[in-house]
Amino acid sequence: MNMNKQAARGLVDIEAYLYREAHLSAARRRVTAFTARMDGLSHGQKRDIELWYLEEQKHVAHMVTKYIAENVGAAETANDIRFGRWLRGTLIAMAVIIMLTFVCTAVVVGSVA
């Protein structure tokens, strides 16, 4: 892997980390606001709710990421198949053009000679 690819991958990893942290920070704010409105909850219950909610958010984010990765993989596979078919058609067309060129050249040379 060359340096440019490594740098690009590093930037993507940093961006993903920052996005994940921003998402979890927003989730922390939401759950803290929710538990603050709830009267009658002990500190331990509030902490348990916050931990459960954050773990649930991580799970949902993982599922969404997995779904996106699967769809990107399927799209790449479909694109590879489509490109292979286009390449095969182009190769056949070029072979036909070359054969026609040889046949036409032979006919012209044969008629001149």
Protein backbone atom coordinates (compact mmCIF):
# COMPACT_ATOMS: atom_id res chain seq x y z
CA MET A 1 0.00 0.00 0.00
CA ASN A 2 1.48 3.35 -0.97
CA MET A 3 1.68 6.42 1.23
CA ASN A 4 -1.26 8.21 -0.41
CA LYS A 5 -3.58 5.26 0.19
CA GLN A 6 -2.39 4.95 3.77
CA ALA A 7 -2.95 8.66 4.35
CA ALA A 8 -6.40 8.52 2.78
CA ARG A 9 -7.31 5.51 4.91
CA GLY A 10 -6.02 7.30 8.00
CA LEU A 11 -8.17 10.31 7.20
CA VAL A 12 -11.22 8.10 6.73
CA ASP A 13 -10.53 6.39 10.06
CA ILE A 14 -10.17 9.75 11.81
CA GLU A 15 -13.35 11.03 10.20
CA ALA A 16 -15.24 7.89 11.27
CA TYR A 17 -13.93 8.24 14.82
CA LEU A 18 -14.95 11.89 15.03
CA TYR A 19 -18.38 11.14 13.58
CA ARG A 20 -18.88 8.28 16.05
CA GLU A 21 -17.81 10.45 18.98
CA ALA A 22 -20.13 13.25 17.87
CA HIS A 23 -23.00 10.78 17.57
CA LEU A 24 -22.30 9.34 21.03
CA SER A 25 -21.96 12.82 22.50
CA ALA A 26 -25.38 13.76 21.11
CA ALA A 27 -26.78 10.48 22.45
CA ARG A 28 -25.32 11.25 25.90
CA ARG A 29 -26.98 14.67 25.87
CA ARG A 30 -30.35 13.16 24.85
CA VAL A 31 -30.31 10.44 27.48
CA THR A 32 -29.08 12.81 30.20
CA ALA A 33 -31.90 15.23 29.37
CA PHE A 34 -34.37 12.33 29.44
CA THR A 35 -33.21 10.98 32.80
CA ALA A 36 -33.11 14.49 34.28
CA ARG A 37 -36.85 14.88 33.49
CA MET A 38 -37.71 11.59 35.14
CA ASP A 39 -38.54 12.03 38.82
CA GLY A 40 -38.10 9.17 41.22
CA LEU A 41 -35.09 7.52 39.57
CA SER A 42 -32.06 6.83 41.71
CA HIS A 43 -28.59 7.74 40.53
CA GLY A 44 -27.88 4.07 39.79
CA GLN A 45 -31.05 3.72 37.73
CA LYS A 46 -30.20 6.83 35.72
CA ARG A 47 -26.69 5.48 35.12
CA ASP A 48 -28.10 2.10 34.03
CA ILE A 49 -30.52 3.79 31.60
CA GLU A 50 -27.69 5.94 30.19
CA LEU A 51 -25.39 2.93 29.74
CA TRP A 52 -28.15 0.88 28.11
CA TYR A 53 -29.07 3.72 25.73
CA LEU A 54 -25.46 4.33 24.70
CA GLU A 55 -24.87 0.62 24.10
CA GLU A 56 -28.08 0.49 22.06
CA GLN A 57 -26.91 3.49 19.99
CA LYS A 58 -23.57 1.77 19.35
CA HIS A 59 -25.40 -1.38 18.26
CA VAL A 60 -27.71 0.55 15.92
CA ALA A 61 -24.75 2.45 14.44
CA HIS A 62 -22.93 -0.87 13.90
CA MET A 63 -25.97 -2.37 12.16
CA VAL A 64 -26.33 0.68 9.90
CA THR A 65 -22.63 0.59 9.04
CA LYS A 66 -22.84 -3.14 8.29
CA TYR A 67 -25.90 -2.59 6.07
CA ILE A 68 -24.17 0.20 4.15
CA ALA A 69 -21.01 -1.89 3.72
CA GLU A 70 -23.04 -4.82 2.39
CA ASN A 71 -24.85 -2.57 -0.09
CA VAL A 72 -21.60 -1.00 -1.24
CA GLY A 73 -20.13 -4.48 -1.71
CA ALA A 74 -23.16 -5.58 -3.72
CA ALA A 75 -22.96 -2.44 -5.87
CA GLU A 76 -19.25 -3.00 -6.50
CA THR A 77 -19.89 -6.61 -7.49
CA ALA A 78 -22.67 -5.58 -9.87
CA ASN A 79 -20.42 -2.91 -11.35
CA ASP A 80 -17.59 -5.42 -11.84
CA ILE A 81 -19.98 -7.80 -13.64
CA ARG A 82 -21.32 -4.98 -15.84
CA PHE A 83 -17.78 -3.81 -16.67
CA GLY A 84 -16.73 -7.38 -17.52
CA ARG A 85 -19.65 -7.71 -19.93
CA TRP A 86 -18.84 -4.35 -21.53
CA LEU A 87 -15.19 -5.35 -21.87
CA ARG A 88 -16.10 -8.70 -23.45
CA GLY A 89 -18.44 -6.96 -25.92
CA THR A 90 -15.75 -4.44 -26.80
CA LEU A 91 -13.22 -7.23 -27.35
CA ILE A 92 -15.61 -9.10 -29.64
CA ALA A 93 -16.40 -5.91 -31.57
CA MET A 94 -12.69 -5.16 -32.03
CA ALA A 95 -12.04 -8.73 -33.23
CA VAL A 96 -14.87 -8.41 -35.76
CA ILE A 97 -13.52 -5.05 -36.99
CA ILE A 98 -10.01 -6.46 -37.37
CA MET A 99 -11.30 -9.51 -39.27
CA LEU A 100 -13.38 -7.27 -41.56
CA THR A 101 -10.34 -5.09 -42.16
CA PHE A 102 -8.26 -8.12 -43.16
CA VAL A 103 -11.03 -9.47 -45.40
CA CYS A 104 -11.54 -6.09 -47.09
CA THR A 105 -7.78 -5.66 -47.54
CA ALA A 106 -7.50 -9.14 -49.07
CA VAL A 107 -10.41 -8.43 -51.42
CA VAL A 108 -8.90 -5.10 -52.51
CA VAL A 109 -5.41 -6.58 -52.97
CA GLY A 110 -6.86 -9.57 -54.82
CA SER A 111 -8.88 -7.37 -57.16
CA VAL A 112 -5.93 -5.09 -57.91
CA ALA A 113 -3.50 -7.92 -58.60
